[in-house]
C-alpha atoms as a PDB file:
ATOM      1  CA  UNK A   1      86.813 -22.443 169.951  1.00  0.00           C
ATOM      2  CA  UNK A   2      84.856 -22.086 166.710  1.00  0.00           C
ATOM      3  CA  UNK A   3      82.477 -19.597 168.358  1.00  0.00           C
ATOM      4  CA  UNK A   4      85.415 -17.507 169.542  1.00  0.00           C
ATOM      5  CA  UNK A   5      86.933 -17.509 166.065  1.00  0.00           C
ATOM      6  CA  UNK A   6      83.608 -16.558 164.484  1.00  0.00           C
ATOM      7  CA  UNK A   7      83.142 -13.773 167.001  1.00  0.00           C
ATOM      8  CA  UNK A   8      86.601 -12.352 166.271  1.00  0.00           C
ATOM      9  CA  UNK A   9      85.877 -12.548 162.526  1.00  0.00           C
ATOM     10  CA  UNK A  10      82.652 -10.580 162.941  1.00  0.00           C
ATOM     11  CA  UNK A  11      84.445  -7.917 164.985  1.00  0.00           C
ATOM     12  CA  UNK A  12      87.141  -7.662 162.264  1.00  0.00           C
ATOM     13  CA  UNK A  13      84.542  -7.227 159.500  1.00  0.00           C
ATOM     14  CA  UNK A  14      82.720  -4.539 161.488  1.00  0.00           C
ATOM     15  CA  UNK A  15      86.024  -2.714 161.959  1.00  0.00           C
ATOM     16  CA  UNK A  16      86.804  -2.896 158.230  1.00  0.00           C
ATOM     17  CA  UNK A  17      83.338  -1.661 157.264  1.00  0.00           C
ATOM     18  CA  UNK A  18      83.574   1.206 159.726  1.00  0.00           C
ATOM     19  CA  UNK A  19      86.982   2.214 158.369  1.00  0.00           C
ATOM     20  CA  UNK A  20      85.718   2.131 154.798  1.00  0.00           C
ATOM     21  CA  UNK A  21      82.706   4.227 155.756  1.00  0.00           C
ATOM     22  CA  UNK A  22      84.968   6.804 157.396  1.00  0.00           C
ATOM     23  CA  UNK A  23      87.203   6.907 154.294  1.00  0.00           C
ATOM     24  CA  UNK A  24      84.175   7.371 152.017  1.00  0.00           C
ATOM     25  CA  UNK A  25      82.814  10.128 154.240  1.00  0.00           C
ATOM     26  CA  UNK A  26      86.253  11.760 154.311  1.00  0.00           C
ATOM     27  CA  UNK A  27      86.555  11.570 150.519  1.00  0.00           C
ATOM     28  CA  UNK A  28      83.065  13.008 150.100  1.00  0.00           C
ATOM     29  CA  UNK A  29      83.897  15.800 152.525  1.00  0.00           C
ATOM     30  CA  UNK A  30      87.109  16.575 150.624  1.00  0.00           C
ATOM     31  CA  UNK A  31      85.096  16.653 147.369  1.00  0.00           C
ATOM     32  CA  UNK A  32      82.596  19.035 148.975  1.00  0.00           C
ATOM     33  CA  UNK A  33      85.396  21.219 150.348  1.00  0.00           C
ATOM     34  CA  UNK A  34      87.305  21.316 147.018  1.00  0.00           C
ATOM     35  CA  UNK A  35      87.905  24.834 145.718  1.00  0.00           C
ATOM     36  CA  UNK A  36      89.371  25.209 142.253  1.00  0.00           C
ATOM     37  CA  UNK A  37      91.531  28.209 141.393  1.00  0.00           C
ATOM     38  CA  UNK A  38      90.497  29.759 138.070  1.00  0.00           C
ATOM     39  CA  UNK A  39      91.098  32.794 135.913  1.00  0.00           C
ATOM     40  CA  UNK A  40      88.163  34.624 134.402  1.00  0.00           C
ATOM     41  CA  UNK A  41      87.144  37.071 131.706  1.00  0.00           C
ATOM     42  CA  UNK A  42      83.928  38.805 130.733  1.00  0.00           C
ATOM     43  CA  UNK A  43      81.327  38.067 128.085  1.00  0.00           C
ATOM     44  CA  UNK A  44      80.861  40.912 125.608  1.00  0.00           C
ATOM     45  CA  UNK A  45      78.295  41.756 122.970  1.00  0.00           C
ATOM     46  CA  UNK A  46      79.300  43.210 119.612  1.00  0.00           C
ATOM     47  CA  UNK A  47      80.877  42.472 116.247  1.00  0.00           C
ATOM     48  CA  UNK A  48      83.591  39.884 115.694  1.00  0.00           C
ATOM     49  CA  UNK A  49      86.268  41.355 113.438  1.00  0.00           C
ATOM     50  CA  UNK A  50      89.321  39.913 111.774  1.00  0.00           C
ATOM     51  CA  UNK A  51      92.225  41.971 110.456  1.00  0.00           C
ATOM     52  CA  UNK A  52      93.082  41.883 106.768  1.00  0.00           C
ATOM     53  CA  UNK A  53      96.616  43.174 106.236  1.00  0.00           C
ATOM     54  CA  UNK A  54      98.306  44.766 103.251  1.00  0.00           C
ATOM     55  CA  UNK A  55     101.982  45.708 102.964  1.00  0.00           C
ATOM     56  CA  UNK A  56     103.687  48.592 101.259  1.00  0.00           C
ATOM     57  CA  UNK A  57     106.582  51.046 101.380  1.00  0.00           C
ATOM     58  CA  UNK A  58     107.137  54.325 103.175  1.00  0.00           C
ATOM     59  CA  UNK A  59     108.059  57.580 101.423  1.00  0.00           C
ATOM     60  CA  UNK A  60     108.163  61.187 102.602  1.00  0.00           C
ATOM     61  CA  UNK A  61     104.791  62.806 102.021  1.00  0.00           C
ATOM     62  CA  UNK A  62     106.437  65.964 100.710  1.00  0.00           C
ATOM     63  CA  UNK A  63     109.846  66.555  99.111  1.00  0.00           C
ATOM     64  CA  UNK A  64     111.463  69.736  97.820  1.00  0.00           C
ATOM     65  CA  UNK A  65     114.323  69.542  95.286  1.00  0.00           C
ATOM     66  CA  UNK A  66     117.465  71.658  95.671  1.00  0.00           C
ATOM     67  CA  UNK A  67     118.602  72.912  92.264  1.00  0.00           C
ATOM     68  CA  UNK A  68     121.227  75.295  90.923  1.00  0.00           C
ATOM     69  CA  UNK A  69     120.894  77.802  88.103  1.00  0.00           C
ATOM     70  CA  UNK A  70     124.369  77.215  86.640  1.00  0.00           C
ATOM     71  CA  UNK A  71     126.825  74.305  86.653  1.00  0.00           C
ATOM     72  CA  UNK A  72     129.645  74.590  89.131  1.00  0.00           C
ATOM     73  CA  UNK A  73     132.099  72.920  91.467  1.00  0.00           C
ATOM     74  CA  UNK A  74     131.256  72.386  95.131  1.00  0.00           C
ATOM     75  CA  UNK A  75     133.743  74.346  97.242  1.00  0.00           C
ATOM     76  CA  UNK A  76     132.294  73.605 100.682  1.00  0.00           C
ATOM     77  CA  UNK A  77     129.594  71.236 101.884  1.00  0.00           C
ATOM     78  CA  UNK A  78     128.085  72.307 105.198  1.00  0.00           C
ATOM     79  CA  UNK A  79     125.830  69.306 105.955  1.00  0.00           C
ATOM     80  CA  UNK A  80     125.752  65.576 105.308  1.00  0.00           C
ATOM     81  CA  UNK A  81     123.007  63.458 103.806  1.00  0.00           C
ATOM     82  CA  UNK A  82     120.468  62.575 106.483  1.00  0.00           C
ATOM     83  CA  UNK A  83     120.978  65.795 108.452  1.00  0.00           C
ATOM     84  CA  UNK A  84     117.998  67.843 109.626  1.00  0.00           C
ATOM     85  CA  UNK A  85     117.923  71.370 108.277  1.00  0.00           C
ATOM     86  CA  UNK A  86     115.734  74.442 108.585  1.00  0.00           C
ATOM     87  CA  UNK A  87     114.652  76.798 105.846  1.00  0.00           C
ATOM     88  CA  UNK A  88     117.507  79.070 104.686  1.00  0.00           C
ATOM     89  CA  UNK A  89     120.220  76.979 106.390  1.00  0.00           C
ATOM     90  CA  UNK A  90     123.436  77.014 104.393  1.00  0.00           C
ATOM     91  CA  UNK A  91     123.883  73.749 102.490  1.00  0.00           C
ATOM     92  CA  UNK A  92     126.927  74.397 100.290  1.00  0.00           C
ATOM     93  CA  UNK A  93     128.924  76.934  98.297  1.00  0.00           C
ATOM     94  CA  UNK A  94     129.731  76.377  94.628  1.00  0.00           C
ATOM     95  CA  UNK A  95     132.110  78.014  92.197  1.00  0.00           C
ATOM     96  CA  UNK A  96     130.437  78.951  88.880  1.00  0.00           C
ATOM     97  CA  UNK A  97     131.458  81.032  85.861  1.00  0.00           C
ATOM     98  CA  UNK A  98     129.402  83.836  87.411  1.00  0.00           C
ATOM     99  CA  UNK A  99     131.228  83.579  90.760  1.00  0.00           C
ATOM    100  CA  UNK A 100     130.711  81.873  94.098  1.00  0.00           C
ATOM    101  CA  UNK A 101     127.133  81.049  94.981  1.00  0.00           C
ATOM    102  CA  UNK A 102     125.565  79.836  98.205  1.00  0.00           C
ATOM    103  CA  UNK A 103     122.982  77.042  98.244  1.00  0.00           C
ATOM    104  CA  UNK A 104     120.433  77.372 101.049  1.00  0.00           C
ATOM    105  CA  UNK A 105     117.724  74.977 102.218  1.00  0.00           C
ATOM    106  CA  UNK A 106     114.400  75.853 100.558  1.00  0.00           C
ATOM    107  CA  UNK A 107     112.386  74.343 103.436  1.00  0.00           C
ATOM    108  CA  UNK A 108     112.590  72.525 106.755  1.00  0.00           C
ATOM    109  CA  UNK A 109     113.236  68.781 106.682  1.00  0.00           C
ATOM    110  CA  UNK A 110     115.845  66.085 106.194  1.00  0.00           C
ATOM    111  CA  UNK A 111     118.541  66.357 103.537  1.00  0.00           C
ATOM    112  CA  UNK A 112     118.386  63.315 101.276  1.00  0.00           C
ATOM    113  CA  UNK A 113     119.842  61.998  98.006  1.00  0.00           C
ATOM    114  CA  UNK A 114     122.901  64.258  98.042  1.00  0.00           C
ATOM    115  CA  UNK A 115     124.401  63.855  94.562  1.00  0.00           C
ATOM    116  CA  UNK A 116     127.943  65.232  94.976  1.00  0.00           C
ATOM    117  CA  UNK A 117     130.670  66.106  97.474  1.00  0.00           C
ATOM    118  CA  UNK A 118     133.333  68.784  97.798  1.00  0.00           C
ATOM    119  CA  UNK A 119     135.402  69.200  94.626  1.00  0.00           C
ATOM    120  CA  UNK A 120     132.744  67.563  92.444  1.00  0.00           C
ATOM    121  CA  UNK A 121     130.678  69.164  89.711  1.00  0.00           C
ATOM    122  CA  UNK A 122     126.916  69.684  89.783  1.00  0.00           C
ATOM    123  CA  UNK A 123     124.608  70.932  87.055  1.00  0.00           C
ATOM    124  CA  UNK A 124     121.085  72.385  86.845  1.00  0.00           C
ATOM    125  CA  UNK A 125     119.705  69.418  84.884  1.00  0.00           C
ATOM    126  CA  UNK A 126     119.057  67.352  87.999  1.00  0.00           C
ATOM    127  CA  UNK A 127     118.523  68.162  91.695  1.00  0.00           C
ATOM    128  CA  UNK A 128     121.654  68.519  93.778  1.00  0.00           C
ATOM    129  CA  UNK A 129     119.689  67.025  96.724  1.00  0.00           C
ATOM    130  CA  UNK A 130     116.151  66.939  98.119  1.00  0.00           C
ATOM    131  CA  UNK A 131     114.639  68.120 101.389  1.00  0.00           C
ATOM    132  CA  UNK A 132     112.118  65.624 102.787  1.00  0.00           C
ATOM    133  CA  UNK A 133     109.430  66.668 105.250  1.00  0.00           C
ATOM    134  CA  UNK A 134     109.726  63.787 107.724  1.00  0.00           C
ATOM    135  CA  UNK A 135     106.904  64.983 109.967  1.00  0.00           C
ATOM    136  CA  UNK A 136     104.469  63.321 107.564  1.00  0.00           C
ATOM    137  CA  UNK A 137     104.917  60.109 105.567  1.00  0.00           C
ATOM    138  CA  UNK A 138     103.155  58.524 102.622  1.00  0.00           C
ATOM    139  CA  UNK A 139     102.454  54.773 102.698  1.00  0.00           C
ATOM    140  CA  UNK A 140     102.025  53.221  99.264  1.00  0.00           C
ATOM    141  CA  UNK A 141     100.146  49.927  99.065  1.00  0.00           C
ATOM    142  CA  UNK A 142      98.497  47.722  96.494  1.00  0.00           C
ATOM    143  CA  UNK A 143      95.257  45.947  97.351  1.00  0.00           C
ATOM    144  CA  UNK A 144      92.845  43.409  95.926  1.00  0.00           C
ATOM    145  CA  UNK A 145      89.327  44.304  94.858  1.00  0.00           C
ATOM    146  CA  UNK A 146      88.076  42.536  97.997  1.00  0.00           C
ATOM    147  CA  UNK A 147      90.148  44.852 100.221  1.00  0.00           C
ATOM    148  CA  UNK A 148      88.843  47.886  98.340  1.00  0.00           C
ATOM    149  CA  UNK A 149      85.335  46.962  99.487  1.00  0.00           C
ATOM    150  CA  UNK A 150      86.480  47.460 103.096  1.00  0.00           C
ATOM    151  CA  UNK A 151      88.051  50.909 102.790  1.00  0.00           C
ATOM    152  CA  UNK A 152      87.044  54.443 101.841  1.00  0.00           C
ATOM    153  CA  UNK A 153      88.921  57.685 101.454  1.00  0.00           C
ATOM    154  CA  UNK A 154      89.525  59.412 104.832  1.00  0.00           C
ATOM    155  CA  UNK A 155      89.113  56.124 106.746  1.00  0.00           C
ATOM    156  CA  UNK A 156      91.705  55.629 109.490  1.00  0.00           C
ATOM    157  CA  UNK A 157      93.459  52.335 110.251  1.00  0.00           C
ATOM    158  CA  UNK A 158      96.455  51.136 112.251  1.00  0.00           C
ATOM    159  CA  UNK A 159      99.757  51.053 110.378  1.00  0.00           C
ATOM    160  CA  UNK A 160     102.815  49.278 111.768  1.00  0.00           C
ATOM    161  CA  UNK A 161     106.342  50.392 110.871  1.00  0.00           C
ATOM    162  CA  UNK A 162     109.395  48.842 112.558  1.00  0.00           C
ATOM    163  CA  UNK A 163     107.140  47.566 115.352  1.00  0.00           C
ATOM    164  CA  UNK A 164     105.672  51.017 116.068  1.00  0.00           C
ATOM    165  CA  UNK A 165     101.985  51.723 115.478  1.00  0.00           C
ATOM    166  CA  UNK A 166     100.620  54.832 113.773  1.00  0.00           C
ATOM    167  CA  UNK A 167      97.186  56.107 112.837  1.00  0.00           C
ATOM    168  CA  UNK A 168      97.051  56.086 109.036  1.00  0.00           C
ATOM    169  CA  UNK A 169      94.483  57.971 106.978  1.00  0.00           C
ATOM    170  CA  UNK A 170      93.527  56.753 103.499  1.00  0.00           C
ATOM    171  CA  UNK A 171      94.146  59.627 101.084  1.00  0.00           C
ATOM    172  CA  UNK A 172      93.967  57.940  97.679  1.00  0.00           C
ATOM    173  CA  UNK A 173      92.305  54.838  96.204  1.00  0.00           C
ATOM    174  CA  UNK A 174      92.866  54.180  92.511  1.00  0.00           C
ATOM    175  CA  UNK A 175      89.883  52.824  90.603  1.00  0.00           C
ATOM    176  CA  UNK A 176      92.083  51.218  87.937  1.00  0.00           C
ATOM    177  CA  UNK A 177      94.385  48.260  88.693  1.00  0.00           C
ATOM    178  CA  UNK A 178      98.090  48.332  87.901  1.00  0.00           C
ATOM    179  CA  UNK A 179      99.969  45.832  85.739  1.00  0.00           C
ATOM    180  CA  UNK A 180      99.739  43.209  88.509  1.00  0.00           C
ATOM    181  CA  UNK A 181      95.948  43.468  88.714  1.00  0.00           C
ATOM    182  CA  UNK A 182      96.106  45.157  92.132  1.00  0.00           C
ATOM    183  CA  UNK A 183      94.793  48.608  93.025  1.00  0.00           C
ATOM    184  CA  UNK A 184      97.178  51.329  94.302  1.00  0.00           C
ATOM    185  CA  UNK A 185      96.209  52.721  97.711  1.00  0.00           C
ATOM    186  CA  UNK A 186      97.910  55.605  99.529  1.00  0.00           C
ATOM    187  CA  UNK A 187      97.703  56.435 103.234  1.00  0.00           C
ATOM    188  CA  UNK A 188      99.461  59.104 105.285  1.00  0.00           C
ATOM    189  CA  UNK A 189     100.761  59.180 108.841  1.00  0.00           C
ATOM    190  CA  UNK A 190     102.146  61.899 111.101  1.00  0.00           C
ATOM    191  CA  UNK A 191     105.448  61.214 112.847  1.00  0.00           C
ATOM    192  CA  UNK A 192     105.191  63.639 115.738  1.00  0.00           C
ATOM    193  CA  UNK A 193     107.497  61.472 117.865  1.00  0.00           C
ATOM    194  CA  UNK A 194     110.282  61.578 115.227  1.00  0.00           C
ATOM    195  CA  UNK A 195     110.809  57.799 115.285  1.00  0.00           C
ATOM    196  CA  UNK A 196     113.576  57.657 112.669  1.00  0.00           C
ATOM    197  CA  UNK A 197     111.493  56.221 109.841  1.00  0.00           C
ATOM    198  CA  UNK A 198     113.559  55.512 106.732  1.00  0.00           C
ATOM    199  CA  UNK A 199     112.427  55.892 103.135  1.00  0.00           C
ATOM    200  CA  UNK A 200     111.603  52.467 101.692  1.00  0.00           C
ATOM    201  CA  UNK A 201     110.799  50.869 105.045  1.00  0.00           C
ATOM    202  CA  UNK A 202     108.043  48.223 104.923  1.00  0.00           C
ATOM    203  CA  UNK A 203     104.696  49.239 106.438  1.00  0.00           C
ATOM    204  CA  UNK A 204     101.676  47.031 107.109  1.00  0.00           C
ATOM    205  CA  UNK A 205      98.104  48.257 107.323  1.00  0.00           C
ATOM    206  CA  UNK A 206      95.524  46.354 109.402  1.00  0.00           C
ATOM    207  CA  UNK A 207      92.013  46.575 107.943  1.00  0.00           C
ATOM    208  CA  UNK A 208      89.272  45.080 110.140  1.00  0.00           C
ATOM    209  CA  UNK A 209      86.521  43.031 108.522  1.00  0.00           C
ATOM    210  CA  UNK A 210      83.354  42.139 110.414  1.00  0.00           C
ATOM    211  CA  UNK A 211      82.612  38.424 110.090  1.00  0.00           C
ATOM    212  CA  UNK A 212      79.786  38.188 112.676  1.00  0.00           C
ATOM    213  CA  UNK A 213      77.574  41.112 113.739  1.00  0.00           C
ATOM    214  CA  UNK A 214      75.779  41.715 117.047  1.00  0.00           C
ATOM    215  CA  UNK A 215      76.871  38.510 118.727  1.00  0.00           C
ATOM    216  CA  UNK A 216      77.831  37.298 122.168  1.00  0.00           C
ATOM    217  CA  UNK A 217      81.634  37.263 122.319  1.00  0.00           C
ATOM    218  CA  UNK A 218      83.554  35.055 124.740  1.00  0.00           C
ATOM    219  CA  UNK A 219      87.307  34.588 125.187  1.00  0.00           C
ATOM    220  CA  UNK A 220      88.330  31.709 122.937  1.00  0.00           C
ATOM    221  CA  UNK A 221      90.285  30.210 125.839  1.00  0.00           C
ATOM    222  CA  UNK A 222      87.006  29.706 127.733  1.00  0.00           C
ATOM    223  CA  UNK A 223      85.597  27.158 125.272  1.00  0.00           C
ATOM    224  CA  UNK A 224      85.598  23.520 126.421  1.00  0.00           C
ATOM    225  CA  UNK A 225      85.065  20.846 123.753  1.00  0.00           C
ATOM    226  CA  UNK A 226      83.566  17.531 124.844  1.00  0.00           C
ATOM    227  CA  UNK A 227      81.854  14.849 122.753  1.00  0.00           C
ATOM    228  CA  UNK A 228      81.609  17.199 119.771  1.00  0.00           C
ATOM    229  CA  UNK A 229      79.817  19.804 121.860  1.00  0.00           C
ATOM    230  CA  UNK A 230      81.021  23.127 123.292  1.00  0.00           C
ATOM    231  CA  UNK A 231      80.632  24.380 126.853  1.00  0.00           C
ATOM    232  CA  UNK A 232      81.649  27.314 129.035  1.00  0.00           C
ATOM    233  CA  UNK A 233      81.649  27.822 132.806  1.00  0.00           C
ATOM    234  CA  UNK A 234      79.939  30.898 134.280  1.00  0.00           C
ATOM    235  CA  UNK A 235      80.897  32.100 137.777  1.00  0.00           C
ATOM    236  CA  UNK A 236      78.118  33.090 140.197  1.00  0.00           C
ATOM    237  CA  UNK A 237      78.803  33.583 143.921  1.00  0.00           C
ATOM    238  CA  UNK A 238      82.084  31.656 143.672  1.00  0.00           C
ATOM    239  CA  UNK A 239      80.409  28.648 142.081  1.00  0.00           C
ATOM    240  CA  UNK A 240      80.433  27.626 138.436  1.00  0.00           C
ATOM    241  CA  UNK A 241      77.560  26.716 136.172  1.00  0.00           C
ATOM    242  CA  UNK A 242      78.306  24.732 133.041  1.00  0.00           C
ATOM    243  CA  UNK A 243      76.451  26.019 129.980  1.00  0.00           C
ATOM    244  CA  UNK A 244      76.268  24.633 126.469  1.00  0.00           C
ATOM    245  CA  UNK A 245      77.024  27.032 123.618  1.00  0.00           C
ATOM    246  CA  UNK A 246      76.967  26.986 119.834  1.00  0.00           C
ATOM    247  CA  UNK A 247      80.118  28.337 118.208  1.00  0.00           C
ATOM    248  CA  UNK A 248      79.385  30.570 115.199  1.00  0.00           C
ATOM    249  CA  UNK A 249      82.893  31.858 114.452  1.00  0.00           C
ATOM    250  CA  UNK A 250      86.157  31.287 116.300  1.00  0.00           C
ATOM    251  CA  UNK A 251      89.186  33.575 116.206  1.00  0.00           C
ATOM    252  CA  UNK A 252      92.398  33.409 118.218  1.00  0.00           C
ATOM    253  CA  UNK A 253      91.272  35.856 120.913  1.00  0.00           C
ATOM    254  CA  UNK A 254      87.469  35.921 120.775  1.00  0.00           C
ATOM    255  CA  UNK A 255      84.707  33.592 119.660  1.00  0.00           C
ATOM    256  CA  UNK A 256      81.151  34.414 118.614  1.00  0.00           C
ATOM    257  CA  UNK A 257      78.662  32.068 120.304  1.00  0.00           C
ATOM    258  CA  UNK A 258      74.974  31.476 120.971  1.00  0.00           C
ATOM    259  CA  UNK A 259      73.658  30.195 124.294  1.00  0.00           C
ATOM    260  CA  UNK A 260      71.997  31.088 127.578  1.00  0.00           C
ATOM    261  CA  UNK A 261      74.581  33.752 128.395  1.00  0.00           C
ATOM    262  CA  UNK A 262      74.429  37.454 129.165  1.00  0.00           C
ATOM    263  CA  UNK A 263      76.861  40.264 128.379  1.00  0.00           C
ATOM    264  CA  UNK A 264      78.884  41.014 131.491  1.00  0.00           C
ATOM    265  CA  UNK A 265      78.768  37.437 132.807  1.00  0.00           C
ATOM    266  CA  UNK A 266      82.016  36.301 134.433  1.00  0.00           C
ATOM    267  CA  UNK A 267      83.394  33.367 132.467  1.00  0.00           C
ATOM    268  CA  UNK A 268      86.222  30.951 133.296  1.00  0.00           C
ATOM    269  CA  UNK A 269      89.187  31.260 130.931  1.00  0.00           C
ATOM    270  CA  UNK A 270      91.760  29.076 132.714  1.00  0.00           C
ATOM    271  CA  UNK A 271      91.330  26.078 135.005  1.00  0.00           C
ATOM    272  CA  UNK A 272      88.052  24.930 133.475  1.00  0.00           C
ATOM    273  CA  UNK A 273      89.393  21.575 132.287  1.00  0.00           C
ATOM    274  CA  UNK A 274      89.193  20.201 135.847  1.00  0.00           C
ATOM    275  CA  UNK A 275      85.821  21.753 136.676  1.00  0.00           C
ATOM    276  CA  UNK A 276      82.474  20.115 137.182  1.00  0.00           C
ATOM    277  CA  UNK A 277      79.090  21.801 137.251  1.00  0.00           C
ATOM    278  CA  UNK A 278      78.515  23.367 140.664  1.00  0.00           C
ATOM    279  CA  UNK A 279      82.171  23.380 141.771  1.00  0.00           C
ATOM    280  CA  UNK A 280      83.343  26.097 144.127  1.00  0.00           C
ATOM    281  CA  UNK A 281      86.038  28.313 142.682  1.00  0.00           C
ATOM    282  CA  UNK A 282      88.485  30.987 143.696  1.00  0.00           C
ATOM    283  CA  UNK A 283      89.187  33.649 141.093  1.00  0.00           C
ATOM    284  CA  UNK A 284      92.916  34.295 141.208  1.00  0.00           C
ATOM    285  CA  UNK A 285      93.187  36.500 138.149  1.00  0.00           C
ATOM    286  CA  UNK A 286      90.744  38.282 135.934  1.00  0.00           C
ATOM    287  CA  UNK A 287      91.090  40.349 132.798  1.00  0.00           C
END
């Protein structure tokens, strides 16, 4: 009876060990067959820039005043403030001691700052209105001495007005500061799309500053931090290789690094937190 019990116990242990071995082999096989879905980007070589921004106001680059030679009363007003006019368009008629006179537009543009309406008096001491050339705008900024080191006359930068971007050309840089200690800077833009820019609208100018030159640049999202060290995963033949890097400067989109990397290498930007060196991957999206 004891021999039979012992024999059954041995058979049970063998069965358990065999089952465990099969489970281990199955787990190992699943680990070997594991394919991780990742997104990737590309390593670049170049300068790492950051944008310094300054803000200012928008004004028409060119304005032409409409004046009268004699005081008079406006009999008829043909256009409203804000209307687009062409040179020689009729603006108004006025009654003067010398008779009725017609006021015509001296140039193409937008009628602005209309000073009087029908039945009201106007005089030659101040403009009756102005014509603004809205095809070109002047952006007036003030900048610190540090910003002045980054710009030169005729440089072009990106200006943003009401969410729209324009190419702005620096046309004036004052060498003397104003009462606030800042330096006046003027840039101009062309509004060929006629995007309804209003006088006095806020404009911002983005001025790039190079913080690291001639460096390897990787997407910031690709950096993995572990035990106070930084790593990235490079994709070769659908497998990843973990490589240590030294971070020189990190910005929101790109990071300047040193390491055994090459420009053009495919680098994991999403999904790397679950990766191990040598894992098989499937690239599901790349930039």
